[in-house]
Amino acid sequence: MIVVRARRAVIEGAERPAAVLVEGERIEAVLPFDAAVDAPEVVLAADEVLLPGLVDTHVHVNEPGRTEWEGFATATRAAAAGGVTTIVDMPLNALPPTVDVAALEIKRKAADGQCAVDVGFWGGAVPGNAGELRALHEAGVFGVKCFLLDSGVPEFPPLLGQDLTTALRAVAEFDGLMIVHAEDGDLVRDAAGRRYLDFVASRPPAAEDSAIAGLLAAARETGARVHVVHLSSADALPQLAAVRAEGVRVTVETCPHYLALTAEEVPDGDTRFKCCPPVREAGNRDALWQGLADGTIDLVVSDHSPCTADLKRLESGDFGQAWGGIASLQVGLPVVWTEARRRGHGLAEVVTWMAERPAALVGLSLKGRIAAGQDADLTVFAPDATFVVGRLHHRNPITPYAGRELYGQVRRTWLRGAPVEEQEPPRGRLLRREDLR
């Protein structure tokens, strides 16, 4: 048993002093700061805040098959260094993609014994595998992901037209969750060259808005629960709010890069900034922040999607040829906090967006909050300290945040009651959906 005392801790949506009593892997009690406890103590410094470990439900680990891009050992070390204690791995970019139970078991075997944080898995929905979705659900995935346009890898084709409806009906039968990359391929065009604004124009907001409209119509028809991943277009917010008010079960995420970066600041040829959908203009960024503030956007996750340096085409700077993905797992919290504090948002709101709601999305009932009975996943965060983004644990630490000064240092992370840096071998668990109900 230990007790962690903090003059500032984010608990039940607010900051307050607390003493968090940890027994084994769980939080035994949340007590007043000066409560008498017969246990070893950890006392946070005056500039530190105790947060629950963050939950990142959008991470591309890529192992096995493309482990040279990223892997479970490196990704989970980066997560822990960034205050993230639980990730959920995406079903594509690894080989084989997680589109059936056999592929899921291959991925679980690859991850076993390597993970510094707890790891869950998404399944994948592709043409022809609607009959596999229930089995994936029963095998413990937290939901299934589909694309509405080319995914960028040939082994994970998109669901179009009737294929999408068929998959949604299958998911609705067991009340599962379909998460969706929503861009309309008919409104996306090829864009070659170094000029960033040409790339942005090739994937206009209308492509997202159109795909989301089609998804929402299909969700209304089938009754399926759907989640829009990495929303970039703020123009889609009104329709999302409207159908939610009608009772359509839809949730929405955005990502640190859409909240912190702007198209106007991206240098031509700097392909570290390429992602799909793209980082848009400053006015769009401001509207996404408003969507977070009013609750239309539910949560913020990284969409950590790294690759090797050669695939970023850094030498040519050709946005058309470069891999689209931003590596940010380790720095997501300070990136969001830096912009949030500038806009008057508090740490409690950031915790809601990056811990509590991602956990709720996938039913991780023991994660994302500091409360009795929860897993003792804790992050020590110094919100007023600054640092310059330098060394990262990502296998390929290529990021648009390199050299950027950010607010907020993650100083220590506990996973289920033990400091991550003291865990050898790593003790991250491989999570199944039914484990944490």
Protein backbone atom coordinates (compact mmCIF):
# COMPACT_ATOMS: atom_id res chain seq x y z
CA MET A 1 0.00 0.00 0.00
CA ILE A 2 1.17 3.54 -0.75
CA VAL A 3 -0.42 6.96 -0.51
CA VAL A 4 0.13 9.65 -3.15
CA ARG A 5 -0.43 13.18 -1.82
CA ALA A 6 -1.04 16.03 -4.21
CA ARG A 7 -1.98 19.65 -3.52
CA ARG A 8 -3.62 19.56 -6.93
CA ALA A 9 -5.32 16.48 -8.34
CA VAL A 10 -7.98 16.18 -11.06
CA ILE A 11 -10.83 14.28 -9.43
CA GLU A 12 -14.49 14.15 -10.48
CA GLY A 13 -14.08 16.91 -13.02
CA ALA A 14 -12.29 19.41 -10.78
CA GLU A 15 -8.91 20.17 -9.23
CA ARG A 16 -8.55 19.71 -5.48
CA PRO A 17 -6.04 18.52 -2.88
CA ALA A 18 -6.13 14.78 -2.29
CA ALA A 19 -4.38 11.77 -0.85
CA VAL A 20 -4.83 8.79 -3.15
CA LEU A 21 -4.50 5.47 -1.35
CA VAL A 22 -3.26 2.67 -3.61
CA GLU A 23 -3.57 -0.97 -2.63
CA GLY A 24 -2.01 -3.35 -5.13
CA GLU A 25 -3.17 -2.43 -8.63
CA ARG A 26 -6.26 -0.43 -7.60
CA ILE A 27 -7.15 2.84 -5.94
CA GLU A 28 -8.44 1.95 -2.48
CA ALA A 29 -9.68 5.43 -1.52
CA VAL A 30 -9.44 9.13 -2.31
CA LEU A 31 -8.91 10.97 0.98
CA PRO A 32 -8.29 14.56 2.13
CA PHE A 33 -4.74 15.69 1.46
CA ASP A 34 -3.66 15.56 5.10
CA ALA A 35 -5.49 12.35 6.05
CA ALA A 36 -3.49 10.14 8.39
CA VAL A 37 -2.49 6.93 6.61
CA ASP A 38 -0.12 4.25 7.81
CA ALA A 39 1.62 3.66 4.48
CA PRO A 40 4.68 4.82 2.55
CA GLU A 41 4.11 8.24 1.00
CA VAL A 42 4.79 9.87 -2.34
CA VAL A 43 4.32 13.63 -2.06
CA LEU A 44 4.07 15.61 -5.28
CA ALA A 45 6.05 18.83 -5.69
CA ALA A 46 4.29 22.16 -5.44
CA ASP A 47 4.26 22.61 -9.23
CA GLU A 48 2.87 19.13 -9.98
CA VAL A 49 -0.70 17.95 -10.58
CA LEU A 50 -1.90 14.37 -10.23
CA LEU A 51 -3.88 13.20 -13.25
CA PRO A 52 -5.40 9.86 -14.16
CA GLY A 53 -3.41 8.02 -16.79
CA LEU A 54 -4.58 9.06 -20.24
CA VAL A 55 -6.39 6.67 -22.58
CA ASP A 56 -5.52 6.88 -26.28
CA THR A 57 -7.94 4.89 -28.40
CA HIS A 58 -6.35 5.72 -31.76
CA VAL A 59 -2.82 4.35 -32.11
CA HIS A 60 -1.22 2.62 -35.10
CA VAL A 61 1.40 0.29 -33.64
CA ASN A 62 2.02 -1.53 -36.99
CA GLU A 63 3.44 -4.73 -35.48
CA PRO A 64 3.71 -7.37 -36.87
CA GLY A 65 4.40 -6.85 -40.55
CA ARG A 66 5.49 -3.22 -40.55
CA THR A 67 7.39 -3.20 -37.27
CA GLU A 68 10.08 -1.04 -38.84
CA TRP A 69 7.45 1.76 -38.74
CA GLU A 70 6.61 1.26 -35.04
CA GLY A 71 6.27 -1.60 -32.57
CA PHE A 72 4.68 -2.45 -29.24
CA ALA A 73 7.87 -1.93 -27.22
CA THR A 74 8.63 1.51 -28.64
CA ALA A 75 5.02 2.73 -28.90
CA THR A 76 4.16 1.81 -25.32
CA ARG A 77 7.35 3.36 -23.93
CA ALA A 78 6.45 6.55 -25.77
CA ALA A 79 2.91 6.36 -24.40
CA ALA A 80 4.12 6.02 -20.82
CA ALA A 81 6.54 8.92 -21.26
CA GLY A 82 3.57 11.01 -22.38
CA GLY A 83 1.32 10.11 -19.46
CA VAL A 84 -0.74 7.58 -21.46
CA THR A 85 -1.35 4.33 -19.59
CA THR A 86 -3.79 2.64 -21.99
CA ILE A 87 -3.80 2.49 -25.78
CA VAL A 88 -6.08 0.78 -28.28
CA ASP A 89 -4.30 -0.39 -31.41
CA MET A 90 -5.72 0.12 -34.90
CA PRO A 91 -6.42 -2.89 -37.14
CA LEU A 92 -4.51 -1.74 -40.23
CA ASN A 93 -0.90 -1.10 -41.24
CA ALA A 94 0.12 -4.26 -39.41
CA LEU A 95 0.24 -7.47 -41.46
CA PRO A 96 -2.05 -9.29 -41.43
CA PRO A 97 -4.72 -6.65 -40.75
CA THR A 98 -6.99 -7.49 -37.82
CA VAL A 99 -10.02 -8.51 -39.88
CA ASP A 100 -10.61 -11.93 -38.33
CA VAL A 101 -9.91 -13.74 -35.07
CA ALA A 102 -6.86 -15.53 -36.44
CA ALA A 103 -5.22 -12.17 -37.27
CA LEU A 104 -6.17 -10.82 -33.84
CA GLU A 105 -4.38 -13.72 -32.16
CA ILE A 106 -1.29 -13.13 -34.31
CA LYS A 107 -1.26 -9.52 -33.16
CA ARG A 108 -1.79 -10.43 -29.51
CA LYS A 109 1.08 -12.91 -29.70
CA ALA A 110 3.33 -10.22 -31.20
CA ALA A 111 2.45 -7.80 -28.40
CA ASP A 112 2.72 -10.24 -25.52
CA GLY A 113 5.49 -9.36 -23.06
CA GLN A 114 6.53 -6.15 -24.83
CA CYS A 115 4.07 -3.57 -23.54
CA ALA A 116 4.89 -0.89 -20.98
CA VAL A 117 1.22 0.15 -20.77
CA ASP A 118 -2.10 -1.69 -21.11
CA VAL A 119 -3.12 -2.38 -24.71
CA GLY A 120 -6.45 -3.18 -26.33
CA PHE A 121 -7.28 -3.84 -29.96
CA TRP A 122 -9.72 -2.74 -32.63
CA GLY A 123 -10.94 -5.13 -35.30
CA GLY A 124 -11.36 -4.19 -38.93
CA ALA A 125 -14.40 -4.12 -41.23
CA VAL A 126 -13.63 -4.62 -44.92
CA PRO A 127 -15.68 -5.87 -47.88
CA GLY A 128 -16.67 -9.49 -47.38
CA ASN A 129 -15.93 -9.90 -43.67
CA ALA A 130 -19.28 -8.90 -42.15
CA GLY A 131 -19.61 -12.51 -41.00
CA GLU A 132 -16.39 -12.17 -38.98
CA LEU A 133 -17.43 -9.12 -36.97
CA ARG A 134 -19.38 -10.91 -34.25
CA ALA A 135 -16.51 -13.34 -33.71
CA LEU A 136 -14.06 -10.44 -33.39
CA HIS A 137 -16.42 -8.81 -30.89
CA GLU A 138 -16.64 -12.01 -28.87
CA ALA A 139 -12.85 -12.37 -29.00
CA GLY A 140 -12.55 -9.06 -27.15
CA VAL A 141 -11.95 -6.25 -29.64
CA PHE A 142 -13.37 -2.91 -28.55
CA GLY A 143 -15.08 -2.26 -31.87
CA VAL A 144 -14.33 -2.41 -35.58
CA LYS A 145 -12.92 0.19 -37.92
CA CYS A 146 -13.68 0.90 -41.54
CA PHE A 147 -12.61 3.37 -44.20
CA LEU A 148 -14.95 5.09 -46.64
CA LEU A 149 -12.13 5.65 -49.15
CA ASP A 150 -8.73 4.15 -49.99
CA SER A 151 -6.94 3.47 -46.70
CA GLY A 152 -3.47 3.81 -48.17
CA VAL A 153 -2.70 0.08 -47.80
CA PRO A 154 -4.14 -2.43 -50.28
CA GLU A 155 -4.93 -5.14 -47.74
CA PHE A 156 -7.52 -2.90 -46.00
CA PRO A 157 -10.01 -1.80 -48.69
CA PRO A 158 -12.90 0.61 -48.02
CA LEU A 159 -16.53 -0.12 -47.31
CA LEU A 160 -18.66 1.58 -49.94
CA GLY A 161 -22.41 1.65 -50.54
CA GLN A 162 -24.15 -1.55 -49.58
CA ASP A 163 -20.99 -2.97 -48.02
CA LEU A 164 -21.14 -0.25 -45.35
CA THR A 165 -24.83 -0.90 -44.64
CA THR A 166 -24.22 -4.65 -44.41
CA ALA A 167 -21.38 -4.18 -41.92
CA LEU A 168 -23.39 -1.70 -39.83
CA ARG A 169 -26.31 -4.13 -39.66
CA ALA A 170 -23.94 -6.85 -38.47
CA VAL A 171 -22.50 -4.58 -35.78
CA ALA A 172 -25.96 -3.45 -34.67
CA GLU A 173 -26.99 -7.07 -34.07
CA PHE A 174 -24.56 -7.36 -31.14
CA ASP A 175 -24.65 -3.64 -30.23
CA GLY A 176 -21.00 -3.18 -31.12
CA LEU A 177 -19.19 -0.03 -32.20
CA MET A 178 -18.12 0.94 -35.72
CA ILE A 179 -15.41 3.59 -35.92
CA VAL A 180 -15.06 5.29 -39.28
CA HIS A 181 -12.48 7.16 -41.34
CA ALA A 182 -14.97 9.40 -43.13
CA GLU A 183 -13.80 11.01 -46.35
CA ASP A 184 -15.60 10.79 -49.70
CA GLY A 185 -13.17 9.44 -52.28
CA ASP A 186 -15.18 11.02 -55.11
CA LEU A 187 -14.31 14.45 -53.71
CA VAL A 188 -10.62 13.73 -53.10
CA ARG A 189 -8.11 14.25 -55.91
CA ASP A 190 -4.44 13.49 -56.35
CA ALA A 191 -2.08 16.29 -55.34
CA ALA A 192 1.59 16.14 -56.19
CA GLY A 193 4.25 18.67 -55.32
CA ARG A 194 5.72 20.62 -52.44
CA ARG A 195 3.00 23.24 -51.93
CA TYR A 196 1.07 22.41 -48.78
CA LEU A 197 -2.02 24.42 -49.66
CA ASP A 198 -2.38 22.38 -52.85
CA PHE A 199 -2.48 19.24 -50.72
CA VAL A 200 -5.10 20.75 -48.40
CA ALA A 201 -7.23 21.72 -51.40
CA SER A 202 -7.05 18.14 -52.68
CA ARG A 203 -8.87 16.88 -49.57
CA PRO A 204 -11.46 19.61 -48.98
CA PRO A 205 -13.83 19.84 -46.02
CA ALA A 206 -16.63 18.80 -48.37
CA ALA A 207 -15.04 15.34 -48.63
CA GLU A 208 -15.43 14.83 -44.89
CA ASP A 209 -18.84 16.46 -44.74
CA SER A 210 -20.22 14.27 -47.54
CA ALA A 211 -18.86 11.03 -46.09
CA ILE A 212 -20.13 11.88 -42.61
CA ALA A 213 -23.59 12.63 -44.02
CA GLY A 214 -23.67 9.22 -45.68
CA LEU A 215 -22.46 7.49 -42.54
CA LEU A 216 -25.07 9.19 -40.38
CA ALA A 217 -27.84 8.21 -42.80
CA ALA A 218 -26.67 4.59 -42.66
CA ALA A 219 -26.43 4.71 -38.86
CA ARG A 220 -29.98 6.07 -38.67
CA GLU A 221 -31.20 3.29 -40.97
CA THR A 222 -29.45 0.43 -39.16
CA GLY A 223 -29.48 1.66 -35.57
CA ALA A 224 -25.74 0.99 -35.27
CA ARG A 225 -23.50 2.90 -32.90
CA VAL A 226 -20.86 4.82 -34.85
CA HIS A 227 -17.83 6.93 -34.04
CA VAL A 228 -16.16 9.42 -36.40
CA VAL A 229 -12.38 9.28 -36.07
CA HIS A 230 -9.95 12.22 -36.46
CA LEU A 231 -12.47 14.92 -37.41
CA SER A 232 -10.69 17.68 -39.28
CA SER A 233 -13.55 19.60 -40.91
CA ALA A 234 -15.39 21.88 -38.50
CA ASP A 235 -18.04 22.31 -41.19
CA ALA A 236 -19.36 18.87 -40.22
CA LEU A 237 -20.18 19.88 -36.64
CA PRO A 238 -23.74 21.16 -37.22
CA GLN A 239 -24.93 17.94 -38.87
CA LEU A 240 -23.30 15.85 -36.15
CA ALA A 241 -25.03 17.87 -33.44
CA ALA A 242 -28.36 17.69 -35.27
CA VAL A 243 -28.45 13.90 -35.72
CA ARG A 244 -27.29 13.34 -32.16
CA ALA A 245 -30.26 15.40 -31.00
CA GLU A 246 -32.47 13.08 -33.07
CA GLY A 247 -31.12 10.07 -31.18
CA VAL A 248 -28.60 8.72 -33.67
CA ARG A 249 -25.80 7.16 -31.61
CA VAL A 250 -22.72 8.96 -32.86
CA THR A 251 -19.58 10.13 -31.09
CA VAL A 252 -16.70 12.18 -32.49
CA GLU A 253 -12.99 12.56 -31.87
CA THR A 254 -10.39 15.02 -33.03
CA CYS A 255 -6.61 15.01 -32.63
CA PRO A 256 -3.87 17.22 -31.18
CA HIS A 257 -2.60 18.25 -34.63
CA TYR A 258 -5.98 19.64 -35.67
CA LEU A 259 -6.18 21.62 -32.43
CA ALA A 260 -2.62 22.97 -32.42
CA LEU A 261 -1.39 23.29 -36.01
CA THR A 262 -2.65 25.41 -38.90
CA ALA A 263 -2.26 25.19 -42.66
CA GLU A 264 -0.89 28.72 -42.73
CA GLU A 265 2.17 27.70 -40.70
CA VAL A 266 3.11 24.53 -42.62
CA PRO A 267 6.24 25.16 -44.71
CA ASP A 268 6.05 24.00 -48.30
CA GLY A 269 7.87 20.69 -48.61
CA ASP A 270 7.69 19.84 -44.90
CA THR A 271 5.97 16.49 -45.18
CA ARG A 272 6.21 15.85 -41.44
CA PHE A 273 2.91 17.75 -41.32
CA LYS A 274 1.07 15.49 -43.77
CA CYS A 275 -1.93 13.60 -42.45
CA CYS A 276 -5.28 12.58 -43.87
CA PRO A 277 -7.60 14.39 -43.50
CA PRO A 278 -5.26 17.39 -43.46
CA VAL A 279 -4.46 20.09 -40.97
CA ARG A 280 -6.63 23.00 -42.10
CA GLU A 281 -6.73 26.78 -41.68
CA ALA A 282 -6.69 28.70 -38.38
CA GLY A 283 -10.40 29.52 -38.55
CA ASN A 284 -11.22 25.82 -38.82
CA ARG A 285 -9.00 25.09 -35.82
CA ASP A 286 -10.86 27.69 -33.77
CA ALA A 287 -14.19 26.11 -34.72
CA LEU A 288 -12.96 22.68 -33.62
CA TRP A 289 -12.10 24.14 -30.23
CA GLN A 290 -15.63 25.50 -30.04
CA GLY A 291 -16.94 22.04 -30.87
CA LEU A 292 -14.93 20.63 -27.98
CA ALA A 293 -16.17 23.32 -25.63
CA ASP A 294 -19.84 22.76 -26.48
CA GLY A 295 -19.58 18.96 -26.42
CA THR A 296 -20.17 18.23 -30.11
CA ILE A 297 -16.67 16.74 -30.19
CA ASP A 298 -16.37 14.16 -27.45
CA LEU A 299 -12.69 13.36 -27.11
CA VAL A 300 -9.11 13.93 -28.23
CA VAL A 301 -6.77 11.08 -29.23
CA SER A 302 -3.48 11.00 -31.09
CA ASP A 303 -4.00 9.06 -34.34
CA HIS A 304 -0.32 8.22 -33.89
CA SER A 305 0.59 7.00 -37.38
CA PRO A 306 4.37 6.88 -37.86
CA CYS A 307 6.43 5.48 -40.71
CA THR A 308 10.05 5.19 -41.73
CA ALA A 309 11.88 8.32 -42.86
CA ASP A 310 12.01 7.27 -46.50
CA LEU A 311 8.21 7.03 -46.68
CA LYS A 312 7.86 10.63 -45.52
CA ARG A 313 9.73 11.76 -48.67
CA LEU A 314 11.58 14.37 -46.65
CA GLU A 315 14.18 14.95 -49.36
CA SER A 316 11.72 15.66 -52.17
CA GLY A 317 9.06 17.27 -49.97
CA ASP A 318 6.35 15.88 -52.25
CA PHE A 319 3.07 15.85 -50.33
CA GLY A 320 1.49 13.62 -52.95
CA GLN A 321 4.06 10.86 -52.44
CA ALA A 322 4.63 11.12 -48.67
CA TRP A 323 2.97 8.82 -46.13
CA GLY A 324 0.12 10.60 -44.39
CA GLY A 325 0.42 10.31 -40.64
CA ILE A 326 1.65 12.32 -37.67
CA ALA A 327 3.70 10.78 -34.86
CA SER A 328 2.56 12.34 -31.59
CA LEU A 329 1.84 9.65 -29.00
CA GLN A 330 4.47 10.90 -26.54
CA VAL A 331 3.63 14.61 -26.81
CA GLY A 332 -0.15 14.66 -27.21
CA LEU A 333 -0.86 15.87 -23.67
CA PRO A 334 1.51 18.87 -23.72
CA VAL A 335 0.46 19.77 -27.28
CA VAL A 336 -3.20 19.92 -26.29
CA TRP A 337 -2.48 21.55 -22.92
CA THR A 338 -0.35 24.28 -24.50
CA GLU A 339 -3.21 25.34 -26.73
CA ALA A 340 -5.94 24.70 -24.12
CA ARG A 341 -4.35 26.93 -21.47
CA ARG A 342 -3.99 29.71 -24.06
CA ARG A 343 -7.72 29.48 -24.69
CA GLY A 344 -8.73 29.45 -21.03
CA HIS A 345 -9.46 25.74 -20.63
CA GLY A 346 -8.42 23.95 -17.46
CA LEU A 347 -6.69 20.66 -16.82
CA ALA A 348 -9.94 19.07 -15.72
CA GLU A 349 -11.36 19.62 -19.22
CA VAL A 350 -8.26 18.16 -20.84
CA VAL A 351 -8.56 15.08 -18.61
CA THR A 352 -12.20 14.71 -19.65
CA TRP A 353 -11.24 14.83 -23.34
CA MET A 354 -8.11 12.66 -23.14
CA ALA A 355 -8.80 10.17 -20.35
CA GLU A 356 -12.39 9.90 -19.14
CA ARG A 357 -14.24 10.03 -22.46
CA PRO A 358 -11.88 7.79 -24.45
CA ALA A 359 -12.21 5.20 -21.68
CA ALA A 360 -16.00 5.53 -21.78
CA LEU A 361 -16.06 5.19 -25.57
CA VAL A 362 -14.67 1.66 -25.40
CA GLY A 363 -16.13 0.60 -22.06
CA LEU A 364 -12.89 0.71 -20.07
CA SER A 365 -14.75 1.26 -16.83
CA LEU A 366 -11.63 0.95 -14.65
CA LYS A 367 -9.65 3.56 -16.58
CA GLY A 368 -9.59 7.33 -17.05
CA ARG A 369 -10.55 8.54 -13.55
CA ILE A 370 -9.05 8.88 -10.08
CA ALA A 371 -11.66 7.18 -7.88
CA ALA A 372 -11.97 4.28 -5.48
CA GLY A 373 -12.01 0.97 -7.31
CA GLN A 374 -10.27 2.27 -10.43
CA ASP A 375 -6.98 0.94 -11.76
CA ALA A 376 -4.18 2.95 -10.14
CA ASP A 377 -3.06 4.50 -13.42
CA LEU A 378 -1.61 7.89 -12.48
CA THR A 379 0.35 10.66 -14.17
CA VAL A 380 2.40 13.37 -12.48
CA PHE A 381 2.18 16.48 -14.65
CA ALA A 382 3.85 19.87 -14.24
CA PRO A 383 1.53 22.16 -16.22
CA ASP A 384 3.57 25.37 -15.97
CA ALA A 385 6.93 23.82 -16.84
CA THR A 386 8.09 24.17 -20.43
CA PHE A 387 10.31 22.02 -22.61
CA VAL A 388 11.46 21.82 -26.20
CA VAL A 389 10.44 18.67 -28.06
CA GLY A 390 13.58 16.64 -28.59
CA ARG A 391 14.24 12.97 -27.86
CA LEU A 392 11.22 10.74 -28.39
CA HIS A 393 10.74 7.02 -27.79
CA HIS A 394 8.90 6.45 -31.09
CA ARG A 395 10.78 4.03 -33.34
CA ASN A 396 10.82 6.74 -36.03
CA PRO A 397 10.75 10.04 -34.11
CA ILE A 398 9.75 12.15 -37.12
CA THR A 399 7.25 14.74 -35.95
CA PRO A 400 6.12 18.26 -36.84
CA TYR A 401 6.53 19.18 -33.17
CA ALA A 402 10.33 18.77 -33.21
CA GLY A 403 11.97 21.86 -31.74
CA ARG A 404 8.65 23.31 -30.56
CA GLU A 405 8.40 24.69 -27.02
CA LEU A 406 5.43 23.27 -25.14
CA TYR A 407 3.87 23.68 -21.74
CA GLY A 408 3.50 20.67 -19.48
CA GLN A 409 6.08 18.08 -18.45
CA VAL A 410 5.10 14.51 -17.67
CA ARG A 411 7.39 13.64 -14.76
CA ARG A 412 6.19 10.22 -13.66
CA THR A 413 3.66 7.61 -14.72
CA TRP A 414 2.20 4.72 -12.70
CA LEU A 415 0.58 1.72 -14.34
CA ARG A 416 -1.75 -0.16 -12.02
CA GLY A 417 0.04 1.00 -8.89
CA ALA A 418 3.69 0.77 -9.95
CA PRO A 419 5.98 3.33 -11.62
CA VAL A 420 6.42 2.38 -15.28
CA GLU A 421 10.14 3.09 -15.23
CA GLU A 422 10.61 0.47 -12.50
CA GLN A 423 8.86 -2.30 -14.42
CA GLU A 424 11.22 -4.89 -15.85
CA PRO A 425 10.07 -6.84 -17.67
CA PRO A 426 7.22 -4.56 -18.77
CA ARG A 427 3.89 -5.47 -17.21
CA GLY A 428 1.33 -3.94 -19.55
CA ARG A 429 -1.72 -6.17 -19.98
CA LEU A 430 -3.37 -7.13 -23.24
CA LEU A 431 -6.98 -6.09 -22.71
CA ARG A 432 -10.14 -7.76 -23.91
CA ARG A 433 -13.41 -5.91 -23.93
CA GLU A 434 -15.00 -8.22 -21.39
CA ASP A 435 -12.09 -7.90 -18.94
CA LEU A 436 -13.11 -4.48 -17.71
CA ARG A 437 -16.87 -4.49 -17.54
